[in-house]
């Protein structure tokens, strides 16, 4: 059975029950021309005394609502406390300035610049450099030990050089620093790969940098008395040498 569209008055076949329009275009045209009843209310702005419309969903705010943000801020300014003006002196530059306040503490500085200058002065302290023993200025909240980057690098280099080395890493540490070049006793340097490292106090556990020296095999054996004593009885009496140790 064919039915008539509410908008274009043409006949069409229903595809579902209670269908009143032949297509969506006719439905939207009908809705545009139809005047729907308003569910909200009209209120009067307490600031500018103008009438404005409020939706039904804002029923809770009907008593305190305004027509715009400008009217809302005007009403707030009218209800503010009266301001007081006083003349104060700045604690940094000693200038006299006027200050308006309603409540709360008064200002101690004329501007942010003066406030930052005072904060910078009170947060400074004088400390001594660990490398050159000179005085330098730094912040109280920082943990500075050196006056400059040069002193910091010097201290790090000395700490690395004087740090005790492990038993197996002594030769590698000397090669890394380029210290195995010649013998410190006789000056031999033709074959630096045969040079060895000697402990001055003959304590192999003491691997500090001050206790180590580079020697050739001959000078190294002379430093150790036990090698000389074991080999002296093989030589004739006239060929014995007096070794100063």
C-alpha atoms as a PDB file:
ATOM      1  CA  UNK A   1       0.000   0.000   0.000  1.00  0.00           C
ATOM      2  CA  UNK A   2       1.297   3.462  -0.969  1.00  0.00           C
ATOM      3  CA  UNK A   3       1.379   6.456   1.436  1.00  0.00           C
ATOM      4  CA  UNK A   4       1.800  10.234   0.960  1.00  0.00           C
ATOM      5  CA  UNK A   5       4.969  12.081   2.138  1.00  0.00           C
ATOM      6  CA  UNK A   6       4.434  14.875   4.656  1.00  0.00           C
ATOM      7  CA  UNK A   7       6.836  17.255   2.843  1.00  0.00           C
ATOM      8  CA  UNK A   8       6.689  16.690  -0.930  1.00  0.00           C
ATOM      9  CA  UNK A   9       3.188  15.128  -0.995  1.00  0.00           C
ATOM     10  CA  UNK A  10       4.316  12.258  -3.185  1.00  0.00           C
ATOM     11  CA  UNK A  11       3.294   8.660  -2.901  1.00  0.00           C
ATOM     12  CA  UNK A  12       5.835   6.138  -1.587  1.00  0.00           C
ATOM     13  CA  UNK A  13       5.976   2.640  -0.191  1.00  0.00           C
ATOM     14  CA  UNK A  14       6.682   2.201   3.532  1.00  0.00           C
ATOM     15  CA  UNK A  15       9.787   0.235   4.395  1.00  0.00           C
ATOM     16  CA  UNK A  16       9.042   0.228   8.137  1.00  0.00           C
ATOM     17  CA  UNK A  17       6.121   0.977  10.358  1.00  0.00           C
ATOM     18  CA  UNK A  18       5.066   4.618  11.034  1.00  0.00           C
ATOM     19  CA  UNK A  19       7.220   6.003   8.161  1.00  0.00           C
ATOM     20  CA  UNK A  20       6.063   9.534   7.258  1.00  0.00           C
ATOM     21  CA  UNK A  21       8.707  10.740   4.717  1.00  0.00           C
ATOM     22  CA  UNK A  22       9.874   9.273   1.445  1.00  0.00           C
ATOM     23  CA  UNK A  23      13.557  10.023   2.138  1.00  0.00           C
ATOM     24  CA  UNK A  24      15.896  11.848   4.547  1.00  0.00           C
ATOM     25  CA  UNK A  25      15.923  15.097   2.554  1.00  0.00           C
ATOM     26  CA  UNK A  26      12.203  15.550   3.058  1.00  0.00           C
ATOM     27  CA  UNK A  27      12.601  14.795   6.761  1.00  0.00           C
ATOM     28  CA  UNK A  28      15.324  17.495   7.237  1.00  0.00           C
ATOM     29  CA  UNK A  29      13.323  20.057   5.224  1.00  0.00           C
ATOM     30  CA  UNK A  30      10.321  19.425   7.423  1.00  0.00           C
ATOM     31  CA  UNK A  31      12.409  19.851  10.604  1.00  0.00           C
ATOM     32  CA  UNK A  32      13.858  23.166   9.414  1.00  0.00           C
ATOM     33  CA  UNK A  33      10.466  24.704   8.767  1.00  0.00           C
ATOM     34  CA  UNK A  34       9.015  23.411  12.032  1.00  0.00           C
ATOM     35  CA  UNK A  35       9.211  25.760  15.039  1.00  0.00           C
ATOM     36  CA  UNK A  36      10.058  23.713  18.145  1.00  0.00           C
ATOM     37  CA  UNK A  37       8.926  24.955  21.579  1.00  0.00           C
ATOM     38  CA  UNK A  38      11.639  26.410  23.853  1.00  0.00           C
ATOM     39  CA  UNK A  39      12.222  24.542  27.112  1.00  0.00           C
ATOM     40  CA  UNK A  40      14.439  27.169  28.728  1.00  0.00           C
ATOM     41  CA  UNK A  41      13.609  30.464  30.449  1.00  0.00           C
ATOM     42  CA  UNK A  42      14.363  34.147  29.980  1.00  0.00           C
ATOM     43  CA  UNK A  43      16.313  35.892  32.762  1.00  0.00           C
ATOM     44  CA  UNK A  44      17.455  39.453  33.457  1.00  0.00           C
ATOM     45  CA  UNK A  45      21.171  40.150  33.940  1.00  0.00           C
ATOM     46  CA  UNK A  46      21.762  41.780  37.370  1.00  0.00           C
ATOM     47  CA  UNK A  47      24.632  43.921  35.977  1.00  0.00           C
ATOM     48  CA  UNK A  48      23.358  45.351  32.657  1.00  0.00           C
ATOM     49  CA  UNK A  49      19.591  44.663  33.165  1.00  0.00           C
ATOM     50  CA  UNK A  50      19.248  42.914  29.787  1.00  0.00           C
ATOM     51  CA  UNK A  51      16.993  39.958  29.118  1.00  0.00           C
ATOM     52  CA  UNK A  52      18.686  36.767  27.858  1.00  0.00           C
ATOM     53  CA  UNK A  53      17.695  33.161  27.244  1.00  0.00           C
ATOM     54  CA  UNK A  54      18.958  30.280  29.435  1.00  0.00           C
ATOM     55  CA  UNK A  55      18.677  26.601  28.579  1.00  0.00           C
ATOM     56  CA  UNK A  56      16.781  24.178  30.782  1.00  0.00           C
ATOM     57  CA  UNK A  57      19.989  22.260  31.663  1.00  0.00           C
ATOM     58  CA  UNK A  58      21.276  25.341  33.592  1.00  0.00           C
ATOM     59  CA  UNK A  59      18.419  25.505  36.088  1.00  0.00           C
ATOM     60  CA  UNK A  60      20.808  25.339  39.037  1.00  0.00           C
ATOM     61  CA  UNK A  61      22.617  28.539  37.948  1.00  0.00           C
ATOM     62  CA  UNK A  62      19.489  30.635  37.365  1.00  0.00           C
ATOM     63  CA  UNK A  63      20.009  32.741  40.529  1.00  0.00           C
ATOM     64  CA  UNK A  64      23.664  33.770  39.936  1.00  0.00           C
ATOM     65  CA  UNK A  65      23.947  33.700  36.152  1.00  0.00           C
ATOM     66  CA  UNK A  66      24.965  36.693  33.977  1.00  0.00           C
ATOM     67  CA  UNK A  67      24.541  37.370  30.310  1.00  0.00           C
ATOM     68  CA  UNK A  68      28.306  37.424  29.593  1.00  0.00           C
ATOM     69  CA  UNK A  69      31.718  37.140  31.216  1.00  0.00           C
ATOM     70  CA  UNK A  70      32.172  40.908  31.195  1.00  0.00           C
ATOM     71  CA  UNK A  71      29.114  41.379  33.388  1.00  0.00           C
ATOM     72  CA  UNK A  72      30.287  38.610  35.683  1.00  0.00           C
ATOM     73  CA  UNK A  73      33.708  40.266  36.253  1.00  0.00           C
ATOM     74  CA  UNK A  74      32.085  43.687  36.716  1.00  0.00           C
ATOM     75  CA  UNK A  75      29.926  42.274  39.502  1.00  0.00           C
ATOM     76  CA  UNK A  76      32.995  40.760  41.164  1.00  0.00           C
ATOM     77  CA  UNK A  77      34.892  44.065  41.034  1.00  0.00           C
ATOM     78  CA  UNK A  78      31.997  45.913  42.617  1.00  0.00           C
ATOM     79  CA  UNK A  79      31.986  43.498  45.573  1.00  0.00           C
ATOM     80  CA  UNK A  80      35.763  43.723  46.161  1.00  0.00           C
ATOM     81  CA  UNK A  81      37.263  45.219  49.275  1.00  0.00           C
ATOM     82  CA  UNK A  82      38.519  48.817  49.043  1.00  0.00           C
ATOM     83  CA  UNK A  83      42.229  49.156  48.337  1.00  0.00           C
ATOM     84  CA  UNK A  84      44.717  50.951  50.585  1.00  0.00           C
ATOM     85  CA  UNK A  85      47.739  52.888  49.339  1.00  0.00           C
ATOM     86  CA  UNK A  86      50.916  53.164  51.378  1.00  0.00           C
ATOM     87  CA  UNK A  87      54.431  54.459  50.738  1.00  0.00           C
ATOM     88  CA  UNK A  88      57.184  51.915  51.396  1.00  0.00           C
ATOM     89  CA  UNK A  89      60.987  51.833  51.011  1.00  0.00           C
ATOM     90  CA  UNK A  90      62.688  49.144  48.942  1.00  0.00           C
ATOM     91  CA  UNK A  91      65.179  47.024  50.895  1.00  0.00           C
ATOM     92  CA  UNK A  92      67.526  46.775  47.907  1.00  0.00           C
ATOM     93  CA  UNK A  93      67.687  50.215  46.249  1.00  0.00           C
ATOM     94  CA  UNK A  94      66.177  52.259  49.153  1.00  0.00           C
ATOM     95  CA  UNK A  95      63.678  53.963  46.856  1.00  0.00           C
ATOM     96  CA  UNK A  96      60.236  55.067  48.041  1.00  0.00           C
ATOM     97  CA  UNK A  97      57.361  53.478  46.111  1.00  0.00           C
ATOM     98  CA  UNK A  98      53.579  53.375  46.508  1.00  0.00           C
ATOM     99  CA  UNK A  99      51.818  50.064  46.956  1.00  0.00           C
ATOM    100  CA  UNK A 100      48.097  49.267  46.740  1.00  0.00           C
ATOM    101  CA  UNK A 101      46.869  46.324  48.784  1.00  0.00           C
ATOM    102  CA  UNK A 102      43.585  44.964  50.114  1.00  0.00           C
ATOM    103  CA  UNK A 103      44.770  42.385  52.638  1.00  0.00           C
ATOM    104  CA  UNK A 104      47.807  40.268  53.408  1.00  0.00           C
ATOM    105  CA  UNK A 105      51.524  41.130  53.887  1.00  0.00           C
ATOM    106  CA  UNK A 106      53.101  44.241  52.425  1.00  0.00           C
ATOM    107  CA  UNK A 107      55.790  44.296  49.772  1.00  0.00           C
ATOM    108  CA  UNK A 108      59.486  44.695  50.618  1.00  0.00           C
ATOM    109  CA  UNK A 109      60.820  45.441  47.123  1.00  0.00           C
ATOM    110  CA  UNK A 110      59.843  47.889  44.428  1.00  0.00           C
ATOM    111  CA  UNK A 111      60.268  45.372  41.579  1.00  0.00           C
ATOM    112  CA  UNK A 112      61.133  41.784  40.778  1.00  0.00           C
ATOM    113  CA  UNK A 113      64.641  42.841  39.763  1.00  0.00           C
ATOM    114  CA  UNK A 114      65.458  44.094  43.278  1.00  0.00           C
ATOM    115  CA  UNK A 115      63.997  40.949  44.800  1.00  0.00           C
ATOM    116  CA  UNK A 116      66.197  38.704  42.629  1.00  0.00           C
ATOM    117  CA  UNK A 117      69.296  40.735  43.421  1.00  0.00           C
ATOM    118  CA  UNK A 118      68.742  40.260  47.170  1.00  0.00           C
ATOM    119  CA  UNK A 119      68.093  36.538  46.697  1.00  0.00           C
ATOM    120  CA  UNK A 120      71.303  36.213  44.676  1.00  0.00           C
ATOM    121  CA  UNK A 121      73.387  37.967  47.343  1.00  0.00           C
ATOM    122  CA  UNK A 122      72.040  35.985  50.272  1.00  0.00           C
ATOM    123  CA  UNK A 123      72.524  32.641  48.497  1.00  0.00           C
ATOM    124  CA  UNK A 124      76.272  33.143  47.824  1.00  0.00           C
ATOM    125  CA  UNK A 125      79.210  31.867  49.897  1.00  0.00           C
ATOM    126  CA  UNK A 126      83.020  31.758  49.694  1.00  0.00           C
ATOM    127  CA  UNK A 127      84.740  28.354  49.434  1.00  0.00           C
ATOM    128  CA  UNK A 128      88.333  27.170  48.823  1.00  0.00           C
ATOM    129  CA  UNK A 129      89.470  25.300  45.707  1.00  0.00           C
ATOM    130  CA  UNK A 130      90.847  21.802  46.370  1.00  0.00           C
ATOM    131  CA  UNK A 131      93.533  22.116  43.663  1.00  0.00           C
ATOM    132  CA  UNK A 132      94.957  25.667  43.809  1.00  0.00           C
ATOM    133  CA  UNK A 133      93.671  26.600  47.325  1.00  0.00           C
ATOM    134  CA  UNK A 134      92.197  29.873  46.073  1.00  0.00           C
ATOM    135  CA  UNK A 135      88.981  31.433  47.336  1.00  0.00           C
ATOM    136  CA  UNK A 136      86.034  31.600  44.943  1.00  0.00           C
ATOM    137  CA  UNK A 137      82.382  32.578  45.209  1.00  0.00           C
ATOM    138  CA  UNK A 138      79.629  30.012  44.650  1.00  0.00           C
ATOM    139  CA  UNK A 139      76.052  29.225  45.670  1.00  0.00           C
ATOM    140  CA  UNK A 140      75.221  27.792  49.084  1.00  0.00           C
ATOM    141  CA  UNK A 141      73.146  25.038  47.531  1.00  0.00           C
ATOM    142  CA  UNK A 142      75.858  23.805  45.104  1.00  0.00           C
ATOM    143  CA  UNK A 143      78.615  21.326  45.983  1.00  0.00           C
ATOM    144  CA  UNK A 144      81.496  22.940  44.090  1.00  0.00           C
ATOM    145  CA  UNK A 145      85.047  21.910  44.967  1.00  0.00           C
ATOM    146  CA  UNK A 146      87.028  23.671  42.219  1.00  0.00           C
ATOM    147  CA  UNK A 147      87.227  27.295  41.075  1.00  0.00           C
ATOM    148  CA  UNK A 148      87.356  26.434  37.352  1.00  0.00           C
ATOM    149  CA  UNK A 149      87.321  23.575  34.863  1.00  0.00           C
ATOM    150  CA  UNK A 150      91.136  23.665  34.593  1.00  0.00           C
ATOM    151  CA  UNK A 151      91.553  22.850  38.294  1.00  0.00           C
ATOM    152  CA  UNK A 152      88.944  20.117  38.035  1.00  0.00           C
ATOM    153  CA  UNK A 153      90.732  18.398  35.126  1.00  0.00           C
ATOM    154  CA  UNK A 154      94.086  18.690  36.936  1.00  0.00           C
ATOM    155  CA  UNK A 155      92.704  17.023  40.056  1.00  0.00           C
ATOM    156  CA  UNK A 156      91.122  14.223  38.023  1.00  0.00           C
ATOM    157  CA  UNK A 157      94.410  13.587  36.175  1.00  0.00           C
ATOM    158  CA  UNK A 158      96.426  13.389  39.408  1.00  0.00           C
ATOM    159  CA  UNK A 159      93.875  11.070  40.988  1.00  0.00           C
ATOM    160  CA  UNK A 160      94.032   8.732  37.989  1.00  0.00           C
ATOM    161  CA  UNK A 161      97.841   8.782  37.980  1.00  0.00           C
ATOM    162  CA  UNK A 162      98.248   8.216  41.728  1.00  0.00           C
ATOM    163  CA  UNK A 163      95.455   5.680  42.093  1.00  0.00           C
ATOM    164  CA  UNK A 164      96.627   2.178  43.109  1.00  0.00           C
ATOM    165  CA  UNK A 165      96.563  -0.307  40.231  1.00  0.00           C
ATOM    166  CA  UNK A 166      95.685  -3.999  40.328  1.00  0.00           C
ATOM    167  CA  UNK A 167      98.363  -6.706  40.144  1.00  0.00           C
ATOM    168  CA  UNK A 168      97.491  -7.805  36.609  1.00  0.00           C
ATOM    169  CA  UNK A 169      96.829  -4.330  35.250  1.00  0.00           C
ATOM    170  CA  UNK A 170     100.129  -2.588  36.163  1.00  0.00           C
ATOM    171  CA  UNK A 171     101.854  -3.140  32.812  1.00  0.00           C
ATOM    172  CA  UNK A 172      98.686  -2.334  30.865  1.00  0.00           C
ATOM    173  CA  UNK A 173      98.337   0.929  32.812  1.00  0.00           C
ATOM    174  CA  UNK A 174     101.944   1.914  32.027  1.00  0.00           C
ATOM    175  CA  UNK A 175     101.514   1.072  28.322  1.00  0.00           C
ATOM    176  CA  UNK A 176      98.273   3.068  28.214  1.00  0.00           C
ATOM    177  CA  UNK A 177     100.078   6.109  29.639  1.00  0.00           C
ATOM    178  CA  UNK A 178     103.104   5.635  27.334  1.00  0.00           C
ATOM    179  CA  UNK A 179     105.630   5.284  30.188  1.00  0.00           C
ATOM    180  CA  UNK A 180     107.491   2.130  29.041  1.00  0.00           C
ATOM    181  CA  UNK A 181     110.039   3.831  26.790  1.00  0.00           C
ATOM    182  CA  UNK A 182     113.508   3.458  28.415  1.00  0.00           C
ATOM    183  CA  UNK A 183     115.226   2.131  31.518  1.00  0.00           C
ATOM    184  CA  UNK A 184     115.455   4.658  34.328  1.00  0.00           C
ATOM    185  CA  UNK A 185     118.854   3.293  35.465  1.00  0.00           C
ATOM    186  CA  UNK A 186     120.973   2.800  32.322  1.00  0.00           C
ATOM    187  CA  UNK A 187     118.748   4.458  29.702  1.00  0.00           C
ATOM    188  CA  UNK A 188     118.344   1.358  27.483  1.00  0.00           C
ATOM    189  CA  UNK A 189     115.624   1.935  24.827  1.00  0.00           C
ATOM    190  CA  UNK A 190     116.423  -0.250  21.770  1.00  0.00           C
ATOM    191  CA  UNK A 191     113.820  -2.916  22.576  1.00  0.00           C
ATOM    192  CA  UNK A 192     111.207  -1.459  24.954  1.00  0.00           C
ATOM    193  CA  UNK A 193     109.175  -4.683  24.858  1.00  0.00           C
ATOM    194  CA  UNK A 194     111.723  -6.390  27.197  1.00  0.00           C
ATOM    195  CA  UNK A 195     111.549  -3.650  29.825  1.00  0.00           C
ATOM    196  CA  UNK A 196     109.918  -4.567  33.128  1.00  0.00           C
ATOM    197  CA  UNK A 197     108.345  -2.800  36.086  1.00  0.00           C
ATOM    198  CA  UNK A 198     110.012  -2.942  39.481  1.00  0.00           C
ATOM    199  CA  UNK A 199     108.530  -2.303  42.943  1.00  0.00           C
ATOM    200  CA  UNK A 200     110.811   0.009  44.918  1.00  0.00           C
ATOM    201  CA  UNK A 201     109.905  -1.438  48.332  1.00  0.00           C
ATOM    202  CA  UNK A 202     109.734  -4.969  46.838  1.00  0.00           C
ATOM    203  CA  UNK A 203     106.130  -5.317  47.987  1.00  0.00           C
ATOM    204  CA  UNK A 204     104.049  -6.653  45.109  1.00  0.00           C
ATOM    205  CA  UNK A 205     100.783  -5.663  46.787  1.00  0.00           C
ATOM    206  CA  UNK A 206     101.771  -1.954  46.830  1.00  0.00           C
ATOM    207  CA  UNK A 207     100.875  -0.972  43.248  1.00  0.00           C
ATOM    208  CA  UNK A 208     100.771   2.803  43.721  1.00  0.00           C
ATOM    209  CA  UNK A 209     102.333   4.948  41.010  1.00  0.00           C
ATOM    210  CA  UNK A 210     105.104   6.330  43.245  1.00  0.00           C
ATOM    211  CA  UNK A 211     106.276   2.805  44.132  1.00  0.00           C
ATOM    212  CA  UNK A 212     106.847   1.653  40.510  1.00  0.00           C
ATOM    213  CA  UNK A 213     109.808   2.177  38.156  1.00  0.00           C
ATOM    214  CA  UNK A 214     110.677   0.921  34.639  1.00  0.00           C
ATOM    215  CA  UNK A 215     113.934  -1.115  34.402  1.00  0.00           C
ATOM    216  CA  UNK A 216     115.703  -3.311  31.871  1.00  0.00           C
ATOM    217  CA  UNK A 217     116.303  -7.031  32.731  1.00  0.00           C
ATOM    218  CA  UNK A 218     119.931  -6.426  33.872  1.00  0.00           C
ATOM    219  CA  UNK A 219     119.122  -3.504  36.154  1.00  0.00           C
ATOM    220  CA  UNK A 220     116.077  -5.366  37.433  1.00  0.00           C
ATOM    221  CA  UNK A 221     118.160  -8.405  38.429  1.00  0.00           C
ATOM    222  CA  UNK A 222     120.756  -6.174  40.126  1.00  0.00           C
ATOM    223  CA  UNK A 223     118.000  -4.511  42.173  1.00  0.00           C
ATOM    224  CA  UNK A 224     117.000  -7.929  43.536  1.00  0.00           C
ATOM    225  CA  UNK A 225     119.981  -8.999  45.744  1.00  0.00           C
ATOM    226  CA  UNK A 226     119.111 -12.686  45.728  1.00  0.00           C
ATOM    227  CA  UNK A 227     119.902 -13.020  42.016  1.00  0.00           C
ATOM    228  CA  UNK A 228     123.375 -11.484  42.463  1.00  0.00           C
ATOM    229  CA  UNK A 229     124.231 -13.680  45.466  1.00  0.00           C
ATOM    230  CA  UNK A 230     123.278 -16.898  43.665  1.00  0.00           C
ATOM    231  CA  UNK A 231     125.398 -16.065  40.605  1.00  0.00           C
ATOM    232  CA  UNK A 232     128.570 -14.688  42.286  1.00  0.00           C
ATOM    233  CA  UNK A 233     130.134 -18.116  43.170  1.00  0.00           C
ATOM    234  CA  UNK A 234     130.302 -19.081  39.489  1.00  0.00           C
ATOM    235  CA  UNK A 235     132.676 -16.161  38.745  1.00  0.00           C
ATOM    236  CA  UNK A 236     136.438 -16.045  39.672  1.00  0.00           C
ATOM    237  CA  UNK A 237     137.471 -13.959  42.662  1.00  0.00           C
ATOM    238  CA  UNK A 238     139.213 -11.349  40.519  1.00  0.00           C
ATOM    239  CA  UNK A 239     136.065 -10.717  38.458  1.00  0.00           C
ATOM    240  CA  UNK A 240     133.759  -9.959  41.358  1.00  0.00           C
ATOM    241  CA  UNK A 241     132.243  -6.514  41.110  1.00  0.00           C
ATOM    242  CA  UNK A 242     131.239  -4.270  43.960  1.00  0.00           C
ATOM    243  CA  UNK A 243     127.623  -3.439  43.431  1.00  0.00           C
ATOM    244  CA  UNK A 244     126.326  -0.372  45.241  1.00  0.00           C
ATOM    245  CA  UNK A 245     122.723  -0.922  46.322  1.00  0.00           C
END
